[in-house]
N, C-alpha and C. Protein backbone atom coordinates (compact mmCIF):
# COMPACT_ATOMS: atom_id res chain seq x y z
N MET A 1 0.85 -1.17 0.00
CA MET A 1 0.00 0.00 0.00
C MET A 1 0.89 1.23 0.00
N ARG A 2 0.57 2.18 -0.82
CA ARG A 2 1.30 3.45 -0.82
C ARG A 2 1.04 4.18 0.49
N TRP A 3 1.99 5.00 0.92
CA TRP A 3 1.84 5.74 2.17
C TRP A 3 0.58 6.60 2.13
N SER A 4 0.30 7.25 1.02
CA SER A 4 -0.87 8.12 0.94
C SER A 4 -2.16 7.33 1.12
N GLU A 5 -2.21 6.09 0.64
CA GLU A 5 -3.40 5.25 0.84
C GLU A 5 -3.56 4.91 2.32
N PHE A 6 -2.44 4.58 2.97
CA PHE A 6 -2.50 4.31 4.40
C PHE A 6 -2.95 5.55 5.16
N ALA A 7 -2.39 6.70 4.81
CA ALA A 7 -2.74 7.95 5.50
C ALA A 7 -4.22 8.29 5.32
N ASP A 8 -4.79 7.98 4.16
CA ASP A 8 -6.23 8.19 3.96
C ASP A 8 -7.05 7.24 4.82
N LEU A 9 -6.55 6.03 5.01
CA LEU A 9 -7.25 5.00 5.78
C LEU A 9 -7.14 5.26 7.28
N GLU A 10 -5.96 5.66 7.76
CA GLU A 10 -5.69 5.86 9.19
C GLU A 10 -4.95 7.19 9.41
N PRO A 11 -5.65 8.32 9.20
CA PRO A 11 -4.95 9.61 9.22
C PRO A 11 -4.27 9.97 10.55
N ASP A 12 -4.88 9.67 11.69
CA ASP A 12 -4.26 10.04 12.96
C ASP A 12 -3.01 9.21 13.23
N LEU A 13 -3.05 7.91 12.97
CA LEU A 13 -1.87 7.07 13.16
C LEU A 13 -0.77 7.48 12.18
N ALA A 14 -1.15 7.74 10.93
CA ALA A 14 -0.16 8.17 9.93
C ALA A 14 0.52 9.47 10.36
N GLU A 15 -0.24 10.40 10.89
CA GLU A 15 0.33 11.69 11.31
C GLU A 15 1.30 11.51 12.48
N ARG A 16 0.93 10.68 13.47
CA ARG A 16 1.82 10.45 14.61
C ARG A 16 3.12 9.77 14.16
N VAL A 17 3.01 8.80 13.26
CA VAL A 17 4.20 8.09 12.78
C VAL A 17 5.09 9.02 11.98
N ARG A 18 4.49 9.78 11.09
CA ARG A 18 5.30 10.69 10.27
C ARG A 18 5.98 11.75 11.14
N ARG A 19 5.26 12.30 12.11
CA ARG A 19 5.85 13.29 13.01
C ARG A 19 7.02 12.68 13.79
N SER A 20 6.86 11.44 14.23
CA SER A 20 7.94 10.76 14.95
C SER A 20 9.15 10.54 14.04
N PHE A 21 8.93 10.13 12.80
CA PHE A 21 10.02 9.96 11.85
C PHE A 21 10.73 11.28 11.58
N ASP A 22 10.00 12.37 11.60
CA ASP A 22 10.57 13.68 11.35
C ASP A 22 11.36 14.24 12.53
N ASP A 23 11.31 13.57 13.70
CA ASP A 23 12.01 14.05 14.89
C ASP A 23 13.53 13.95 14.78
N GLY A 24 14.02 13.23 13.81
CA GLY A 24 15.46 13.09 13.64
C GLY A 24 15.78 12.59 12.24
N ARG A 25 16.95 12.90 11.78
CA ARG A 25 17.34 12.56 10.40
C ARG A 25 17.66 11.08 10.21
N HIS A 26 18.28 10.46 11.21
CA HIS A 26 18.80 9.11 11.04
C HIS A 26 17.83 8.06 11.59
N LYS A 27 17.51 7.10 10.73
CA LYS A 27 16.64 5.99 11.08
C LYS A 27 17.44 4.70 11.00
N THR A 28 16.81 3.58 11.34
CA THR A 28 17.44 2.28 11.28
C THR A 28 16.65 1.39 10.32
N LEU A 29 17.36 0.75 9.41
CA LEU A 29 16.76 -0.12 8.41
C LEU A 29 17.15 -1.57 8.69
N ALA A 30 16.18 -2.47 8.64
CA ALA A 30 16.45 -3.90 8.74
C ALA A 30 16.21 -4.53 7.37
N THR A 31 17.21 -5.28 6.89
CA THR A 31 17.11 -6.05 5.65
C THR A 31 17.57 -7.47 5.96
N LEU A 32 17.50 -8.33 4.95
CA LEU A 32 17.96 -9.71 5.13
C LEU A 32 19.19 -9.97 4.28
N ARG A 33 20.23 -10.52 4.90
CA ARG A 33 21.45 -10.90 4.20
C ARG A 33 21.19 -12.13 3.33
N ALA A 34 22.16 -12.47 2.50
CA ALA A 34 22.04 -13.63 1.62
C ALA A 34 21.79 -14.92 2.40
N ASP A 35 22.35 -15.04 3.61
CA ASP A 35 22.15 -16.25 4.40
C ASP A 35 20.87 -16.22 5.23
N GLY A 36 20.08 -15.14 5.09
CA GLY A 36 18.81 -15.03 5.80
C GLY A 36 18.90 -14.34 7.14
N SER A 37 20.10 -14.04 7.61
CA SER A 37 20.25 -13.34 8.89
C SER A 37 19.95 -11.86 8.70
N PRO A 38 19.57 -11.17 9.78
CA PRO A 38 19.22 -9.76 9.64
C PRO A 38 20.45 -8.86 9.52
N ARG A 39 20.27 -7.76 8.82
CA ARG A 39 21.29 -6.71 8.75
C ARG A 39 20.61 -5.41 9.19
N ILE A 40 21.25 -4.69 10.09
CA ILE A 40 20.77 -3.39 10.54
C ILE A 40 21.68 -2.33 9.96
N SER A 41 21.10 -1.32 9.34
CA SER A 41 21.87 -0.24 8.72
C SER A 41 21.26 1.10 9.08
N GLY A 42 22.09 2.10 9.19
CA GLY A 42 21.59 3.45 9.32
C GLY A 42 21.05 3.90 7.96
N ILE A 43 20.02 4.73 7.98
CA ILE A 43 19.41 5.18 6.72
C ILE A 43 18.64 6.47 6.96
N GLU A 44 18.47 7.21 5.89
CA GLU A 44 17.53 8.32 5.90
C GLU A 44 16.27 7.85 5.19
N CYS A 45 15.16 8.34 5.61
CA CYS A 45 13.87 7.90 5.10
C CYS A 45 13.05 9.16 4.84
N GLU A 46 12.46 9.26 3.67
CA GLU A 46 11.72 10.47 3.29
C GLU A 46 10.27 10.16 3.00
N PHE A 47 9.41 11.09 3.34
CA PHE A 47 8.00 11.03 2.98
C PHE A 47 7.73 12.13 1.96
N ASP A 48 6.95 11.82 0.93
CA ASP A 48 6.45 12.88 0.06
C ASP A 48 4.93 12.79 0.07
N GLU A 49 4.27 13.43 -0.86
CA GLU A 49 2.80 13.46 -0.85
C GLU A 49 2.19 12.07 -1.00
N THR A 50 2.91 11.17 -1.65
CA THR A 50 2.35 9.86 -1.98
C THR A 50 3.05 8.70 -1.30
N ASP A 51 4.36 8.77 -1.17
CA ASP A 51 5.13 7.60 -0.77
C ASP A 51 6.08 7.89 0.38
N VAL A 52 6.57 6.79 0.95
CA VAL A 52 7.70 6.83 1.85
C VAL A 52 8.80 6.06 1.12
N TRP A 53 10.00 6.63 1.12
CA TRP A 53 11.07 6.00 0.35
C TRP A 53 12.40 6.08 1.07
N ILE A 54 13.28 5.19 0.64
CA ILE A 54 14.64 5.13 1.16
C ILE A 54 15.60 5.12 -0.01
N GLY A 55 16.84 5.42 0.26
CA GLY A 55 17.87 5.39 -0.77
C GLY A 55 19.07 4.61 -0.29
N SER A 56 19.92 4.26 -1.23
CA SER A 56 21.14 3.54 -0.88
C SER A 56 22.25 3.96 -1.82
N MET A 57 23.47 4.02 -1.30
CA MET A 57 24.62 4.27 -2.16
C MET A 57 24.84 3.02 -3.03
N PRO A 58 25.44 3.21 -4.21
CA PRO A 58 25.55 2.10 -5.17
C PRO A 58 26.27 0.85 -4.67
N ALA A 59 27.28 0.97 -3.82
CA ALA A 59 28.03 -0.21 -3.39
C ALA A 59 27.63 -0.72 -2.00
N ALA A 60 26.55 -0.19 -1.44
CA ALA A 60 26.16 -0.57 -0.08
C ALA A 60 25.66 -2.02 -0.03
N ARG A 61 25.96 -2.70 1.06
CA ARG A 61 25.48 -4.07 1.25
C ARG A 61 23.96 -4.11 1.34
N LYS A 62 23.36 -3.06 1.91
CA LYS A 62 21.90 -3.06 2.00
C LYS A 62 21.26 -3.02 0.62
N LEU A 63 21.93 -2.42 -0.36
CA LEU A 63 21.41 -2.42 -1.73
C LEU A 63 21.38 -3.84 -2.27
N ALA A 64 22.44 -4.60 -2.04
CA ALA A 64 22.46 -6.01 -2.46
C ALA A 64 21.36 -6.79 -1.75
N ASP A 65 21.17 -6.51 -0.45
CA ASP A 65 20.09 -7.17 0.28
C ASP A 65 18.74 -6.88 -0.35
N LEU A 66 18.47 -5.61 -0.64
CA LEU A 66 17.17 -5.21 -1.18
C LEU A 66 16.92 -5.78 -2.57
N ARG A 67 17.96 -5.90 -3.35
CA ARG A 67 17.79 -6.48 -4.69
C ARG A 67 17.50 -7.97 -4.61
N ARG A 68 18.00 -8.62 -3.57
CA ARG A 68 17.81 -10.06 -3.40
C ARG A 68 16.48 -10.37 -2.71
N ASN A 69 16.12 -9.58 -1.70
CA ASN A 69 14.91 -9.80 -0.92
C ASN A 69 14.38 -8.43 -0.51
N ASP A 70 13.20 -8.09 -0.96
CA ASP A 70 12.69 -6.73 -0.77
C ASP A 70 12.02 -6.47 0.57
N ALA A 71 12.04 -7.43 1.50
CA ALA A 71 11.44 -7.22 2.82
C ALA A 71 12.27 -6.22 3.63
N VAL A 72 11.60 -5.23 4.21
CA VAL A 72 12.28 -4.21 5.01
C VAL A 72 11.45 -3.83 6.24
N ALA A 73 12.15 -3.33 7.24
CA ALA A 73 11.54 -2.67 8.37
C ALA A 73 12.37 -1.41 8.64
N VAL A 74 11.69 -0.33 8.95
CA VAL A 74 12.38 0.93 9.24
C VAL A 74 11.90 1.43 10.60
N HIS A 75 12.88 1.72 11.46
CA HIS A 75 12.59 2.24 12.80
C HIS A 75 12.96 3.71 12.82
N GLY A 76 12.05 4.54 13.29
CA GLY A 76 12.32 5.97 13.37
C GLY A 76 13.42 6.28 14.37
N PRO A 77 13.80 7.54 14.45
CA PRO A 77 14.87 7.93 15.38
C PRO A 77 14.48 7.67 16.83
N ALA A 78 15.46 7.27 17.62
CA ALA A 78 15.22 6.98 19.04
C ALA A 78 15.39 8.26 19.85
N ILE A 79 14.36 8.63 20.57
CA ILE A 79 14.38 9.80 21.45
C ILE A 79 14.26 9.25 22.88
N HIS A 80 15.22 9.59 23.73
CA HIS A 80 15.22 9.06 25.08
C HIS A 80 14.59 10.06 26.05
N PRO A 81 13.68 9.58 26.92
CA PRO A 81 13.10 10.49 27.91
C PRO A 81 14.11 10.80 29.02
N ALA A 82 13.92 11.92 29.63
CA ALA A 82 14.74 12.28 30.79
C ALA A 82 14.39 11.33 31.94
N PRO A 83 15.39 10.94 32.73
CA PRO A 83 15.09 10.07 33.88
C PRO A 83 14.02 10.67 34.77
N GLY A 84 13.06 9.85 35.13
CA GLY A 84 11.95 10.31 35.96
C GLY A 84 10.83 10.97 35.19
N GLU A 85 11.04 11.19 33.89
CA GLU A 85 10.01 11.82 33.06
C GLU A 85 9.59 10.91 31.91
N GLU A 86 9.56 9.61 32.19
CA GLU A 86 9.25 8.63 31.15
C GLU A 86 7.86 8.84 30.55
N ALA A 87 6.91 9.35 31.34
CA ALA A 87 5.55 9.59 30.83
C ALA A 87 5.53 10.66 29.74
N ALA A 88 6.57 11.50 29.70
CA ALA A 88 6.64 12.56 28.69
C ALA A 88 7.32 12.09 27.40
N TRP A 89 7.78 10.85 27.37
CA TRP A 89 8.44 10.30 26.19
C TRP A 89 7.50 10.44 24.99
N PRO A 90 7.96 11.00 23.87
CA PRO A 90 7.07 11.22 22.73
C PRO A 90 6.74 9.95 21.95
N GLY A 91 7.41 8.85 22.25
CA GLY A 91 7.11 7.59 21.58
C GLY A 91 8.07 7.30 20.45
N GLU A 92 7.80 6.19 19.76
CA GLU A 92 8.63 5.77 18.64
C GLU A 92 7.75 5.17 17.56
N ALA A 93 8.25 5.20 16.34
CA ALA A 93 7.48 4.70 15.20
C ALA A 93 8.29 3.70 14.40
N LYS A 94 7.58 2.77 13.80
CA LYS A 94 8.18 1.77 12.93
C LYS A 94 7.23 1.54 11.77
N LEU A 95 7.80 1.12 10.65
CA LEU A 95 6.98 0.66 9.55
C LEU A 95 7.71 -0.47 8.85
N ALA A 96 6.96 -1.29 8.16
CA ALA A 96 7.55 -2.43 7.44
C ALA A 96 6.80 -2.63 6.14
N GLY A 97 7.43 -3.34 5.25
CA GLY A 97 6.80 -3.64 3.97
C GLY A 97 7.80 -4.17 2.98
N ARG A 98 7.58 -3.83 1.73
CA ARG A 98 8.43 -4.26 0.63
C ARG A 98 9.07 -3.03 0.00
N ALA A 99 10.36 -3.13 -0.31
CA ALA A 99 11.09 -2.04 -0.96
C ALA A 99 10.97 -2.23 -2.47
N ILE A 100 10.23 -1.35 -3.11
CA ILE A 100 10.00 -1.44 -4.55
C ILE A 100 11.04 -0.58 -5.27
N ASP A 101 11.79 -1.19 -6.15
CA ASP A 101 12.85 -0.50 -6.89
C ASP A 101 12.27 0.65 -7.70
N ASP A 102 12.75 1.86 -7.43
CA ASP A 102 12.28 3.06 -8.14
C ASP A 102 13.38 3.66 -9.01
N GLY A 103 14.49 2.93 -9.17
CA GLY A 103 15.53 3.35 -10.10
C GLY A 103 16.67 4.10 -9.46
N PRO A 104 17.65 4.43 -10.29
CA PRO A 104 18.85 5.10 -9.80
C PRO A 104 18.59 6.56 -9.44
N ILE A 105 19.40 7.05 -8.53
CA ILE A 105 19.43 8.47 -8.19
C ILE A 105 20.63 9.04 -8.95
N GLU A 106 20.37 9.95 -9.86
CA GLU A 106 21.44 10.51 -10.69
C GLU A 106 21.64 11.99 -10.39
N VAL A 107 22.90 12.38 -10.39
CA VAL A 107 23.27 13.78 -10.23
C VAL A 107 24.26 14.09 -11.35
N ASP A 108 23.90 15.03 -12.20
CA ASP A 108 24.74 15.40 -13.35
C ASP A 108 25.14 14.18 -14.19
N GLY A 109 24.18 13.26 -14.37
CA GLY A 109 24.42 12.10 -15.20
C GLY A 109 25.14 10.94 -14.53
N ALA A 110 25.60 11.13 -13.29
CA ALA A 110 26.30 10.07 -12.57
C ALA A 110 25.35 9.41 -11.56
N VAL A 111 25.39 8.10 -11.49
CA VAL A 111 24.56 7.38 -10.53
C VAL A 111 25.17 7.56 -9.14
N MET A 112 24.41 8.18 -8.25
CA MET A 112 24.87 8.47 -6.90
C MET A 112 24.23 7.55 -5.86
N GLY A 113 23.24 6.80 -6.30
CA GLY A 113 22.54 5.92 -5.37
C GLY A 113 21.37 5.26 -6.04
N HIS A 114 20.55 4.63 -5.23
CA HIS A 114 19.38 3.93 -5.73
C HIS A 114 18.22 4.22 -4.81
N ARG A 115 17.04 4.39 -5.36
CA ARG A 115 15.84 4.76 -4.61
C ARG A 115 14.86 3.59 -4.58
N PHE A 116 14.24 3.40 -3.41
CA PHE A 116 13.22 2.39 -3.22
C PHE A 116 12.01 3.02 -2.54
N VAL A 117 10.84 2.75 -3.06
CA VAL A 117 9.59 3.17 -2.45
C VAL A 117 9.10 2.02 -1.58
N ILE A 118 8.62 2.33 -0.39
CA ILE A 118 8.15 1.28 0.52
C ILE A 118 6.67 1.02 0.28
N ASP A 119 6.36 -0.24 -0.05
CA ASP A 119 4.99 -0.73 -0.12
C ASP A 119 4.64 -1.13 1.31
N VAL A 120 3.88 -0.31 1.99
CA VAL A 120 3.66 -0.42 3.43
C VAL A 120 2.70 -1.57 3.76
N THR A 121 3.13 -2.45 4.67
CA THR A 121 2.28 -3.55 5.14
C THR A 121 2.07 -3.52 6.65
N GLU A 122 2.85 -2.69 7.35
CA GLU A 122 2.73 -2.60 8.81
C GLU A 122 3.20 -1.24 9.27
N VAL A 123 2.45 -0.65 10.21
CA VAL A 123 2.80 0.65 10.79
C VAL A 123 2.54 0.56 12.30
N VAL A 124 3.52 1.04 13.10
CA VAL A 124 3.42 0.93 14.56
C VAL A 124 3.82 2.24 15.21
N PHE A 125 3.06 2.65 16.23
CA PHE A 125 3.44 3.79 17.06
C PHE A 125 3.28 3.37 18.51
N THR A 126 4.37 3.54 19.28
CA THR A 126 4.39 3.11 20.68
C THR A 126 4.72 4.30 21.57
N LYS A 127 3.94 4.47 22.66
CA LYS A 127 4.23 5.52 23.62
C LYS A 127 3.52 5.20 24.93
N PRO A 128 3.86 5.90 26.01
CA PRO A 128 3.15 5.66 27.28
C PRO A 128 1.75 6.27 27.23
N ASN A 129 0.86 5.72 28.06
CA ASN A 129 -0.45 6.36 28.20
C ASN A 129 -0.26 7.70 28.93
N ASP A 130 -1.33 8.45 29.09
CA ASP A 130 -1.21 9.82 29.62
C ASP A 130 -0.60 9.90 31.01
N ASP A 131 -0.86 8.91 31.87
CA ASP A 131 -0.26 8.98 33.21
C ASP A 131 1.03 8.17 33.33
N GLY A 132 1.50 7.59 32.23
CA GLY A 132 2.77 6.90 32.21
C GLY A 132 2.78 5.54 32.89
N THR A 133 1.60 4.97 33.12
CA THR A 133 1.53 3.69 33.82
C THR A 133 1.49 2.48 32.88
N MET A 134 1.20 2.72 31.63
CA MET A 134 1.08 1.62 30.66
C MET A 134 1.77 2.03 29.36
N LEU A 135 2.26 1.04 28.63
CA LEU A 135 2.80 1.26 27.30
C LEU A 135 1.66 0.98 26.31
N VAL A 136 1.43 1.91 25.39
CA VAL A 136 0.36 1.77 24.40
C VAL A 136 0.99 1.53 23.04
N VAL A 137 0.65 0.41 22.42
CA VAL A 137 1.13 0.06 21.10
C VAL A 137 -0.06 0.16 20.15
N ASP A 138 -0.03 1.15 19.29
CA ASP A 138 -1.08 1.39 18.31
C ASP A 138 -0.51 0.95 16.97
N PHE A 139 -1.14 -0.04 16.34
CA PHE A 139 -0.55 -0.56 15.11
C PHE A 139 -1.61 -0.94 14.09
N TRP A 140 -1.14 -1.03 12.86
CA TRP A 140 -1.97 -1.42 11.72
C TRP A 140 -1.18 -2.39 10.87
N THR A 141 -1.86 -3.42 10.39
CA THR A 141 -1.27 -4.32 9.40
C THR A 141 -2.23 -4.45 8.24
N ALA A 142 -1.69 -4.70 7.08
CA ALA A 142 -2.53 -4.87 5.89
C ALA A 142 -3.46 -6.06 6.08
N ALA A 143 -3.01 -7.07 6.78
CA ALA A 143 -3.82 -8.28 6.96
C ALA A 143 -4.94 -8.12 7.99
N ASN A 144 -4.68 -7.36 9.08
CA ASN A 144 -5.63 -7.31 10.20
C ASN A 144 -6.16 -5.93 10.55
N GLY A 145 -5.74 -4.90 9.85
CA GLY A 145 -6.23 -3.56 10.15
C GLY A 145 -5.63 -2.98 11.42
N ARG A 146 -6.36 -2.04 12.01
CA ARG A 146 -5.88 -1.29 13.18
C ARG A 146 -6.16 -2.03 14.47
N GLN A 147 -5.16 -2.03 15.35
CA GLN A 147 -5.29 -2.64 16.67
C GLN A 147 -4.56 -1.79 17.69
N ARG A 148 -4.86 -2.04 18.96
CA ARG A 148 -4.21 -1.30 20.04
C ARG A 148 -4.02 -2.26 21.20
N ILE A 149 -2.83 -2.23 21.77
CA ILE A 149 -2.51 -3.06 22.94
C ILE A 149 -1.98 -2.13 24.02
N GLU A 150 -2.41 -2.34 25.25
CA GLU A 150 -1.85 -1.63 26.40
C GLU A 150 -1.27 -2.68 27.33
N ARG A 151 -0.04 -2.41 27.81
CA ARG A 151 0.56 -3.37 28.74
C ARG A 151 1.45 -2.63 29.75
N ALA A 152 1.55 -3.25 30.90
CA ALA A 152 2.35 -2.65 31.98
C ALA A 152 3.82 -2.92 31.75
């Protein structure tokens, strides 16, 4: 599902996730290596009017991973609460799906990287409840729709 389709379906969750992703430049990308083990890489992730996308430099191992297996998960920037103020933690966001090849990124005719649009299949936003006594996980999956879990 394109990001814009998800945002039309779940606008409040989409807004919280996007705002959380915008809290910092550097995100974390999970891909699968050739042997099936996970690879974690730093990445920048961009939202436009329609899509959420990632890029990779031409020789990056994550590019080889994505070309071999398009499954991805992206974790937004980690913001740590001040000690004793955990209830004020703004939360964290994650999304997962398939990385769809959108072609090379060229600058002055030279290939500088490669762009992938994320076909979104899962979106998660986690934060404390208002009094900080429970963790609230608000999530959506393409298979099961929107759900919410609260746990101590």
